[in-house]
Amino acid sequence: MTHVTGRRGLDEQAVLLAAGLADLAVSTLGTALGTVRGLLRRSDAGALAADAEHDLTARGRLVLDRYTTVPPAHLEILARHALVRRAAGDD
């Protein structure tokens, strides 16, 4: 393929990138569907599904904890350190 400059070259590059991404998505989806079919044929599919549900629940809990937990305020941390120092000085 020859290198084309200008607007037409950019349009062609965008189309090629989109086609490449679509091909990648289709091949990945095909592989994933093949894997799912293989998993459904297993005799321990129920246990496997329960384990997957447990893992996904744990992952969800970690994500929510990571993004919803607000760290303590800076002054709160300083106040706690002061209390620890004051308690250590009283001993």
PDB file of N, CA and C in Angstrom:
ATOM      1  N   MET A   1       0.850  -1.165   0.000  1.00  0.00           N
ATOM      2  CA  MET A   1       0.000   0.000   0.000  1.00  0.00           C
ATOM      3  C   MET A   1       0.898   1.231   0.000  1.00  0.00           C
ATOM      4  N   THR A   2       0.581   2.183  -0.818  1.00  0.00           N
ATOM      5  CA  THR A   2       1.397   3.395  -0.896  1.00  0.00           C
ATOM      6  C   THR A   2       0.939   4.384   0.158  1.00  0.00           C
ATOM      7  N   HIS A   3       1.863   5.249   0.560  1.00  0.00           N
ATOM      8  CA  HIS A   3       1.567   6.258   1.572  1.00  0.00           C
ATOM      9  C   HIS A   3       0.920   7.454   0.893  1.00  0.00           C
ATOM     10  N   VAL A   4      -0.285   7.811   1.321  1.00  0.00           N
ATOM     11  CA  VAL A   4      -1.017   8.936   0.748  1.00  0.00           C
ATOM     12  C   VAL A   4      -1.045  10.046   1.786  1.00  0.00           C
ATOM     13  N   THR A   5      -0.746  11.254   1.362  1.00  0.00           N
ATOM     14  CA  THR A   5      -0.739  12.379   2.284  1.00  0.00           C
ATOM     15  C   THR A   5      -2.034  13.147   2.175  1.00  0.00           C
ATOM     16  N   GLY A   6      -2.302  13.996   3.160  1.00  0.00           N
ATOM     17  CA  GLY A   6      -3.482  14.850   3.131  1.00  0.00           C
ATOM     18  C   GLY A   6      -4.673  14.211   3.801  1.00  0.00           C
ATOM     19  N   ARG A   7      -5.828  14.813   3.557  1.00  0.00           N
ATOM     20  CA  ARG A   7      -7.082  14.389   4.198  1.00  0.00           C
ATOM     21  C   ARG A   7      -7.462  12.968   3.794  1.00  0.00           C
ATOM     22  N   ARG A   8      -7.267  12.638   2.534  1.00  0.00           N
ATOM     23  CA  ARG A   8      -7.629  11.302   2.064  1.00  0.00           C
ATOM     24  C   ARG A   8      -6.796  10.232   2.769  1.00  0.00           C
ATOM     25  N   GLY A   9      -5.533  10.527   3.012  1.00  0.00           N
ATOM     26  CA  GLY A   9      -4.670   9.587   3.704  1.00  0.00           C
ATOM     27  C   GLY A   9      -5.116   9.368   5.136  1.00  0.00           C
ATOM     28  N   LEU A  10      -5.543  10.430   5.808  1.00  0.00           N
ATOM     29  CA  LEU A  10      -6.035  10.309   7.175  1.00  0.00           C
ATOM     30  C   LEU A  10      -7.335   9.511   7.227  1.00  0.00           C
ATOM     31  N   ASP A  11      -8.227   9.754   6.259  1.00  0.00           N
ATOM     32  CA  ASP A  11      -9.478   9.001   6.208  1.00  0.00           C
ATOM     33  C   ASP A  11      -9.207   7.524   5.975  1.00  0.00           C
ATOM     34  N   GLU A  12      -8.283   7.247   5.077  1.00  0.00           N
ATOM     35  CA  GLU A  12      -7.943   5.854   4.779  1.00  0.00           C
ATOM     36  C   GLU A  12      -7.319   5.182   6.004  1.00  0.00           C
ATOM     37  N   GLN A  13      -6.474   5.909   6.721  1.00  0.00           N
ATOM     38  CA  GLN A  13      -5.848   5.358   7.921  1.00  0.00           C
ATOM     39  C   GLN A  13      -6.895   5.083   8.992  1.00  0.00           C
ATOM     40  N   ALA A  14      -7.866   5.988   9.140  1.00  0.00           N
ATOM     41  CA  ALA A  14      -8.932   5.790  10.121  1.00  0.00           C
ATOM     42  C   ALA A  14      -9.761   4.558   9.774  1.00  0.00           C
ATOM     43  N   VAL A  15     -10.055   4.368   8.499  1.00  0.00           N
ATOM     44  CA  VAL A  15     -10.823   3.197   8.067  1.00  0.00           C
ATOM     45  C   VAL A  15     -10.030   1.923   8.326  1.00  0.00           C
ATOM     46  N   LEU A  16      -8.739   1.945   8.040  1.00  0.00           N
ATOM     47  CA  LEU A  16      -7.911   0.766   8.271  1.00  0.00           C
ATOM     48  C   LEU A  16      -7.818   0.438   9.759  1.00  0.00           C
ATOM     49  N   LEU A  17      -7.680   1.465  10.597  1.00  0.00           N
ATOM     50  CA  LEU A  17      -7.645   1.239  12.037  1.00  0.00           C
ATOM     51  C   LEU A  17      -8.966   0.661  12.537  1.00  0.00           C
ATOM     52  N   ALA A  18     -10.076   1.205  12.051  1.00  0.00           N
ATOM     53  CA  ALA A  18     -11.391   0.699  12.463  1.00  0.00           C
ATOM     54  C   ALA A  18     -11.579  -0.744  12.014  1.00  0.00           C
ATOM     55  N   ALA A  19     -11.145  -1.060  10.801  1.00  0.00           N
ATOM     56  CA  ALA A  19     -11.261  -2.437  10.306  1.00  0.00           C
ATOM     57  C   ALA A  19     -10.387  -3.380  11.126  1.00  0.00           C
ATOM     58  N   GLY A  20      -9.205  -2.939  11.487  1.00  0.00           N
ATOM     59  CA  GLY A  20      -8.320  -3.759  12.311  1.00  0.00           C
ATOM     60  C   GLY A  20      -8.905  -4.004  13.691  1.00  0.00           C
ATOM     61  N   LEU A  21      -9.467  -2.964  14.294  1.00  0.00           N
ATOM     62  CA  LEU A  21     -10.106  -3.118  15.602  1.00  0.00           C
ATOM     63  C   LEU A  21     -11.318  -4.040  15.529  1.00  0.00           C
ATOM     64  N   ALA A  22     -12.103  -3.919  14.461  1.00  0.00           N
ATOM     65  CA  ALA A  22     -13.268  -4.793  14.305  1.00  0.00           C
ATOM     66  C   ALA A  22     -12.838  -6.244  14.150  1.00  0.00           C
ATOM     67  N   ASP A  23     -11.782  -6.484  13.370  1.00  0.00           N
ATOM     68  CA  ASP A  23     -11.284  -7.849  13.188  1.00  0.00           C
ATOM     69  C   ASP A  23     -10.781  -8.416  14.514  1.00  0.00           C
ATOM     70  N   LEU A  24     -10.073  -7.612  15.276  1.00  0.00           N
ATOM     71  CA  LEU A  24      -9.581  -8.039  16.586  1.00  0.00           C
ATOM     72  C   LEU A  24     -10.744  -8.373  17.517  1.00  0.00           C
ATOM     73  N   ALA A  25     -11.783  -7.537  17.523  1.00  0.00           N
ATOM     74  CA  ALA A  25     -12.941  -7.774  18.378  1.00  0.00           C
ATOM     75  C   ALA A  25     -13.655  -9.057  17.979  1.00  0.00           C
ATOM     76  N   VAL A  26     -13.818  -9.298  16.683  1.00  0.00           N
ATOM     77  CA  VAL A  26     -14.499 -10.507  16.221  1.00  0.00           C
ATOM     78  C   VAL A  26     -13.695 -11.747  16.578  1.00  0.00           C
ATOM     79  N   SER A  27     -12.390 -11.723  16.381  1.00  0.00           N
ATOM     80  CA  SER A  27     -11.582 -12.901  16.699  1.00  0.00           C
ATOM     81  C   SER A  27     -11.551 -13.151  18.204  1.00  0.00           C
ATOM     82  N   THR A  28     -11.492 -12.087  19.002  1.00  0.00           N
ATOM     83  CA  THR A  28     -11.512 -12.239  20.455  1.00  0.00           C
ATOM     84  C   THR A  28     -12.852 -12.784  20.915  1.00  0.00           C
ATOM     85  N   LEU A  29     -13.934 -12.290  20.338  1.00  0.00           N
ATOM     86  CA  LEU A  29     -15.264 -12.776  20.687  1.00  0.00           C
ATOM     87  C   LEU A  29     -15.421 -14.243  20.306  1.00  0.00           C
ATOM     88  N   GLY A  30     -14.892 -14.634  19.150  1.00  0.00           N
ATOM     89  CA  GLY A  30     -14.951 -16.034  18.738  1.00  0.00           C
ATOM     90  C   GLY A  30     -14.206 -16.936  19.697  1.00  0.00           C
ATOM     91  N   THR A  31     -13.034 -16.499  20.118  1.00  0.00           N
ATOM     92  CA  THR A  31     -12.255 -17.277  21.078  1.00  0.00           C
ATOM     93  C   THR A  31     -12.980 -17.376  22.412  1.00  0.00           C
ATOM     94  N   ALA A  32     -13.556 -16.268  22.863  1.00  0.00           N
ATOM     95  CA  ALA A  32     -14.285 -16.264  24.132  1.00  0.00           C
ATOM     96  C   ALA A  32     -15.495 -17.189  24.063  1.00  0.00           C
ATOM     97  N   LEU A  33     -16.227 -17.172  22.958  1.00  0.00           N
ATOM     98  CA  LEU A  33     -17.391 -18.053  22.824  1.00  0.00           C
ATOM     99  C   LEU A  33     -16.974 -19.523  22.813  1.00  0.00           C
ATOM    100  N   GLY A  34     -15.858 -19.823  22.171  1.00  0.00           N
ATOM    101  CA  GLY A  34     -15.352 -21.196  22.191  1.00  0.00           C
ATOM    102  C   GLY A  34     -14.996 -21.636  23.600  1.00  0.00           C
ATOM    103  N   THR A  35     -14.407 -20.756  24.360  1.00  0.00           N
ATOM    104  CA  THR A  35     -14.052 -21.065  25.747  1.00  0.00           C
ATOM    105  C   THR A  35     -15.305 -21.291  26.589  1.00  0.00           C
ATOM    106  N   VAL A  36     -16.318 -20.451  26.383  1.00  0.00           N
ATOM    107  CA  VAL A  36     -17.566 -20.591  27.136  1.00  0.00           C
ATOM    108  C   VAL A  36     -18.242 -21.912  26.786  1.00  0.00           C
ATOM    109  N   ARG A  37     -18.266 -22.277  25.509  1.00  0.00           N
ATOM    110  CA  ARG A  37     -18.844 -23.567  25.116  1.00  0.00           C
ATOM    111  C   ARG A  37     -18.125 -24.723  25.790  1.00  0.00           C
ATOM    112  N   GLY A  38     -16.811 -24.649  25.836  1.00  0.00           N
ATOM    113  CA  GLY A  38     -16.038 -25.699  26.493  1.00  0.00           C
ATOM    114  C   GLY A  38     -16.335 -25.773  27.983  1.00  0.00           C
ATOM    115  N   LEU A  39     -16.507 -24.623  28.623  1.00  0.00           N
ATOM    116  CA  LEU A  39     -16.813 -24.605  30.050  1.00  0.00           C
ATOM    117  C   LEU A  39     -18.209 -25.152  30.336  1.00  0.00           C
ATOM    118  N   LEU A  40     -19.154 -24.894  29.438  1.00  0.00           N
ATOM    119  CA  LEU A  40     -20.514 -25.386  29.650  1.00  0.00           C
ATOM    120  C   LEU A  40     -20.607 -26.900  29.520  1.00  0.00           C
ATOM    121  N   ARG A  41     -19.683 -27.504  28.812  1.00  0.00           N
ATOM    122  CA  ARG A  41     -19.684 -28.958  28.643  1.00  0.00           C
ATOM    123  C   ARG A  41     -19.092 -29.684  29.849  1.00  0.00           C
ATOM    124  N   ARG A  42     -18.474 -28.968  30.754  1.00  0.00           N
ATOM    125  CA  ARG A  42     -17.841 -29.606  31.909  1.00  0.00           C
ATOM    126  C   ARG A  42     -18.893 -30.144  32.868  1.00  0.00           C
ATOM    127  N   SER A  43     -18.553 -31.205  33.562  1.00  0.00           N
ATOM    128  CA  SER A  43     -19.494 -31.803  34.514  1.00  0.00           C
ATOM    129  C   SER A  43     -19.603 -30.978  35.791  1.00  0.00           C
ATOM    130  N   ASP A  44     -18.592 -30.198  36.104  1.00  0.00           N
ATOM    131  CA  ASP A  44     -18.623 -29.382  37.311  1.00  0.00           C
ATOM    132  C   ASP A  44     -18.968 -27.927  37.001  1.00  0.00           C
ATOM    133  N   ALA A  45     -19.825 -27.728  35.996  1.00  0.00           N
ATOM    134  CA  ALA A  45     -20.172 -26.371  35.573  1.00  0.00           C
ATOM    135  C   ALA A  45     -20.854 -25.589  36.693  1.00  0.00           C
ATOM    136  N   GLY A  46     -21.680 -26.252  37.504  1.00  0.00           N
ATOM    137  CA  GLY A  46     -22.349 -25.551  38.605  1.00  0.00           C
ATOM    138  C   GLY A  46     -21.365 -25.027  39.625  1.00  0.00           C
ATOM    139  N   ALA A  47     -20.413 -25.879  40.003  1.00  0.00           N
ATOM    140  CA  ALA A  47     -19.396 -25.453  40.968  1.00  0.00           C
ATOM    141  C   ALA A  47     -18.515 -24.354  40.377  1.00  0.00           C
ATOM    142  N   LEU A  48     -18.211 -24.496  39.092  1.00  0.00           N
ATOM    143  CA  LEU A  48     -17.400 -23.490  38.411  1.00  0.00           C
ATOM    144  C   LEU A  48     -18.127 -22.147  38.389  1.00  0.00           C
ATOM    145  N   ALA A  49     -19.430 -22.170  38.115  1.00  0.00           N
ATOM    146  CA  ALA A  49     -20.221 -20.936  38.103  1.00  0.00           C
ATOM    147  C   ALA A  49     -20.287 -20.324  39.497  1.00  0.00           C
ATOM    148  N   ALA A  50     -20.425 -21.161  40.531  1.00  0.00           N
ATOM    149  CA  ALA A  50     -20.460 -20.644  41.905  1.00  0.00           C
ATOM    150  C   ALA A  50     -19.130 -20.001  42.271  1.00  0.00           C
ATOM    151  N   ASP A  51     -18.035 -20.626  41.876  1.00  0.00           N
ATOM    152  CA  ASP A  51     -16.714 -20.043  42.137  1.00  0.00           C
ATOM    153  C   ASP A  51     -16.547 -18.722  41.400  1.00  0.00           C
ATOM    154  N   ALA A  52     -17.017 -18.672  40.153  1.00  0.00           N
ATOM    155  CA  ALA A  52     -16.917 -17.437  39.374  1.00  0.00           C
ATOM    156  C   ALA A  52     -17.739 -16.331  40.019  1.00  0.00           C
ATOM    157  N   GLU A  53     -18.937 -16.681  40.511  1.00  0.00           N
ATOM    158  CA  GLU A  53     -19.780 -15.690  41.174  1.00  0.00           C
ATOM    159  C   GLU A  53     -19.098 -15.175  42.438  1.00  0.00           C
ATOM    160  N   HIS A  54     -18.502 -16.076  43.199  1.00  0.00           N
ATOM    161  CA  HIS A  54     -17.789 -15.674  44.418  1.00  0.00           C
ATOM    162  C   HIS A  54     -16.621 -14.747  44.085  1.00  0.00           C
ATOM    163  N   ASP A  55     -15.848 -15.102  43.060  1.00  0.00           N
ATOM    164  CA  ASP A  55     -14.710 -14.270  42.655  1.00  0.00           C
ATOM    165  C   ASP A  55     -15.159 -12.896  42.178  1.00  0.00           C
ATOM    166  N   LEU A  56     -16.235 -12.859  41.386  1.00  0.00           N
ATOM    167  CA  LEU A  56     -16.721 -11.573  40.880  1.00  0.00           C
ATOM    168  C   LEU A  56     -17.264 -10.705  42.016  1.00  0.00           C
ATOM    169  N   THR A  57     -17.922 -11.337  42.989  1.00  0.00           N
ATOM    170  CA  THR A  57     -18.411 -10.588  44.140  1.00  0.00           C
ATOM    171  C   THR A  57     -17.245  -9.988  44.929  1.00  0.00           C
ATOM    172  N   ALA A  58     -16.204 -10.779  45.130  1.00  0.00           N
ATOM    173  CA  ALA A  58     -15.022 -10.285  45.848  1.00  0.00           C
ATOM    174  C   ALA A  58     -14.360  -9.145  45.078  1.00  0.00           C
ATOM    175  N   ARG A  59     -14.259  -9.288  43.765  1.00  0.00           N
ATOM    176  CA  ARG A  59     -13.685  -8.223  42.944  1.00  0.00           C
ATOM    177  C   ARG A  59     -14.508  -6.958  43.036  1.00  0.00           C
ATOM    178  N   GLY A  60     -15.840  -7.120  42.975  1.00  0.00           N
ATOM    179  CA  GLY A  60     -16.724  -5.963  43.074  1.00  0.00           C
ATOM    180  C   GLY A  60     -16.577  -5.255  44.405  1.00  0.00           C
ATOM    181  N   ARG A  61     -16.455  -6.041  45.470  1.00  0.00           N
ATOM    182  CA  ARG A  61     -16.270  -5.454  46.799  1.00  0.00           C
ATOM    183  C   ARG A  61     -14.965  -4.668  46.859  1.00  0.00           C
ATOM    184  N   LEU A  62     -13.899  -5.226  46.283  1.00  0.00           N
ATOM    185  CA  LEU A  62     -12.610  -4.518  46.274  1.00  0.00           C
ATOM    186  C   LEU A  62     -12.688  -3.215  45.498  1.00  0.00           C
ATOM    187  N   VAL A  63     -13.356  -3.258  44.343  1.00  0.00           N
ATOM    188  CA  VAL A  63     -13.469  -2.048  43.525  1.00  0.00           C
ATOM    189  C   VAL A  63     -14.264  -0.983  44.271  1.00  0.00           C
ATOM    190  N   LEU A  64     -15.385  -1.379  44.853  1.00  0.00           N
ATOM    191  CA  LEU A  64     -16.180  -0.396  45.594  1.00  0.00           C
ATOM    192  C   LEU A  64     -15.417   0.166  46.775  1.00  0.00           C
ATOM    193  N   ASP A  65     -14.686  -0.683  47.481  1.00  0.00           N
ATOM    194  CA  ASP A  65     -13.884  -0.193  48.605  1.00  0.00           C
ATOM    195  C   ASP A  65     -12.809   0.776  48.135  1.00  0.00           C
ATOM    196  N   ARG A  66     -12.216   0.492  46.986  1.00  0.00           N
ATOM    197  CA  ARG A  66     -11.141   1.337  46.470  1.00  0.00           C
ATOM    198  C   ARG A  66     -11.655   2.723  46.087  1.00  0.00           C
ATOM    199  N   TYR A  67     -12.845   2.783  45.486  1.00  0.00           N
ATOM    200  CA  TYR A  67     -13.317   4.057  44.954  1.00  0.00           C
ATOM    201  C   TYR A  67     -14.327   4.778  45.838  1.00  0.00           C
ATOM    202  N   THR A  68     -14.892   4.107  46.830  1.00  0.00           N
ATOM    203  CA  THR A  68     -15.889   4.784  47.659  1.00  0.00           C
ATOM    204  C   THR A  68     -15.368   5.159  49.031  1.00  0.00           C
ATOM    205  N   THR A  69     -14.276   4.569  49.460  1.00  0.00           N
ATOM    206  CA  THR A  69     -13.726   4.896  50.763  1.00  0.00           C
ATOM    207  C   THR A  69     -12.993   6.227  50.679  1.00  0.00           C
ATOM    208  N   VAL A  70     -13.410   7.150  51.519  1.00  0.00           N
ATOM    209  CA  VAL A  70     -12.784   8.465  51.538  1.00  0.00           C
ATOM    210  C   VAL A  70     -11.676   8.434  52.578  1.00  0.00           C
ATOM    211  N   PRO A  71     -10.463   8.815  52.203  1.00  0.00           N
ATOM    212  CA  PRO A  71      -9.382   8.825  53.185  1.00  0.00           C
ATOM    213  C   PRO A  71      -9.647   9.886  54.256  1.00  0.00           C
ATOM    214  N   PRO A  72      -9.122   9.680  55.460  1.00  0.00           N
ATOM    215  CA  PRO A  72      -9.354  10.667  56.524  1.00  0.00           C
ATOM    216  C   PRO A  72      -8.700  12.006  56.175  1.00  0.00           C
ATOM    217  N   ALA A  73      -9.282  13.038  56.706  1.00  0.00           N
ATOM    218  CA  ALA A  73      -8.763  14.381  56.459  1.00  0.00           C
ATOM    219  C   ALA A  73      -7.379  14.540  57.090  1.00  0.00           C
ATOM    220  N   HIS A  74      -6.584  15.409  56.516  1.00  0.00           N
ATOM    221  CA  HIS A  74      -5.219  15.634  56.982  1.00  0.00           C
ATOM    222  C   HIS A  74      -5.186  16.064  58.447  1.00  0.00           C
ATOM    223  N   LEU A  75      -6.083  16.976  58.825  1.00  0.00           N
ATOM    224  CA  LEU A  75      -6.109  17.443  60.213  1.00  0.00           C
ATOM    225  C   LEU A  75      -6.529  16.324  61.156  1.00  0.00           C
ATOM    226  N   GLU A  76      -7.390  15.423  60.693  1.00  0.00           N
ATOM    227  CA  GLU A  76      -7.782  14.276  61.520  1.00  0.00           C
ATOM    228  C   GLU A  76      -6.577  13.390  61.805  1.00  0.00           C
ATOM    229  N   ILE A  77      -5.751  13.167  60.814  1.00  0.00           N
ATOM    230  CA  ILE A  77      -4.537  12.358  60.991  1.00  0.00           C
ATOM    231  C   ILE A  77      -3.596  13.029  61.979  1.00  0.00           C
ATOM    232  N   LEU A  78      -3.421  14.348  61.843  1.00  0.00           N
ATOM    233  CA  LEU A  78      -2.553  15.080  62.777  1.00  0.00           C
ATOM    234  C   LEU A  78      -3.093  15.004  64.200  1.00  0.00           C
ATOM    235  N   ALA A  79      -4.407  15.104  64.357  1.00  0.00           N
ATOM    236  CA  ALA A  79      -5.006  15.032  65.691  1.00  0.00           C
ATOM    237  C   ALA A  79      -4.784  13.655  66.309  1.00  0.00           C
ATOM    238  N   ARG A  80      -4.891  12.610  65.499  1.00  0.00           N
ATOM    239  CA  ARG A  80      -4.660  11.254  66.014  1.00  0.00           C
ATOM    240  C   ARG A  80      -3.211  11.077  66.453  1.00  0.00           C
ATOM    241  N   HIS A  81      -2.289  11.611  65.671  1.00  0.00           N
ATOM    242  CA  HIS A  81      -0.863  11.530  66.045  1.00  0.00           C
ATOM    243  C   HIS A  81      -0.608  12.282  67.347  1.00  0.00           C
ATOM    244  N   ALA A  82      -1.236  13.434  67.484  1.00  0.00           N
ATOM    245  CA  ALA A  82      -1.065  14.214  68.715  1.00  0.00           C
ATOM    246  C   ALA A  82      -1.606  13.448  69.918  1.00  0.00           C
ATOM    247  N   LEU A  83      -2.747  12.787  69.756  1.00  0.00           N
ATOM    248  CA  LEU A  83      -3.302  11.989  70.857  1.00  0.00           C
ATOM    249  C   LEU A  83      -2.388  10.830  71.229  1.00  0.00           C
ATOM    250  N   VAL A  84      -1.794  10.197  70.234  1.00  0.00           N
ATOM    251  CA  VAL A  84      -0.880   9.076  70.506  1.00  0.00           C
ATOM    252  C   VAL A  84       0.339   9.594  71.236  1.00  0.00           C
ATOM    253  N   ARG A  85       0.895  10.722  70.794  1.00  0.00           N
ATOM    254  CA  ARG A  85       2.063  11.301  71.461  1.00  0.00           C
ATOM    255  C   ARG A  85       1.728  11.720  72.886  1.00  0.00           C
ATOM    256  N   ARG A  86       0.562  12.316  73.084  1.00  0.00           N
ATOM    257  CA  ARG A  86       0.153  12.770  74.405  1.00  0.00           C
ATOM    258  C   ARG A  86      -0.029  11.565  75.338  1.00  0.00           C
ATOM    259  N   ALA A  87      -0.630  10.473  74.801  1.00  0.00           N
ATOM    260  CA  ALA A  87      -0.813   9.268  75.611  1.00  0.00           C
ATOM    261  C   ALA A  87       0.521   8.622  75.919  1.00  0.00           C
ATOM    262  N   ALA A  88       1.447   8.659  75.011  1.00  0.00           N
ATOM    263  CA  ALA A  88       2.780   8.077  75.241  1.00  0.00           C
ATOM    264  C   ALA A  88       3.563   8.890  76.267  1.00  0.00           C
ATOM    265  N   GLY A  89       3.342  10.193  76.295  1.00  0.00           N
ATOM    266  CA  GLY A  89       4.017  11.062  77.252  1.00  0.00           C
ATOM    267  C   GLY A  89       3.474  10.911  78.666  1.00  0.00           C
ATOM    268  N   ASP A  90       2.220  10.491  78.814  1.00  0.00           N
ATOM    269  CA  ASP A  90       1.616  10.314  80.125  1.00  0.00           C
ATOM    270  C   ASP A  90       2.087   9.061  80.809  1.00  0.00           C
ATOM    271  N   ASP A  91       2.602   8.089  80.074  1.00  0.00           N
ATOM    272  CA  ASP A  91       3.037   6.810  80.670  1.00  0.00           C
ATOM    273  C   ASP A  91       4.253   6.956  81.477  1.00  0.00           C
TER     274      ASP A  91
END
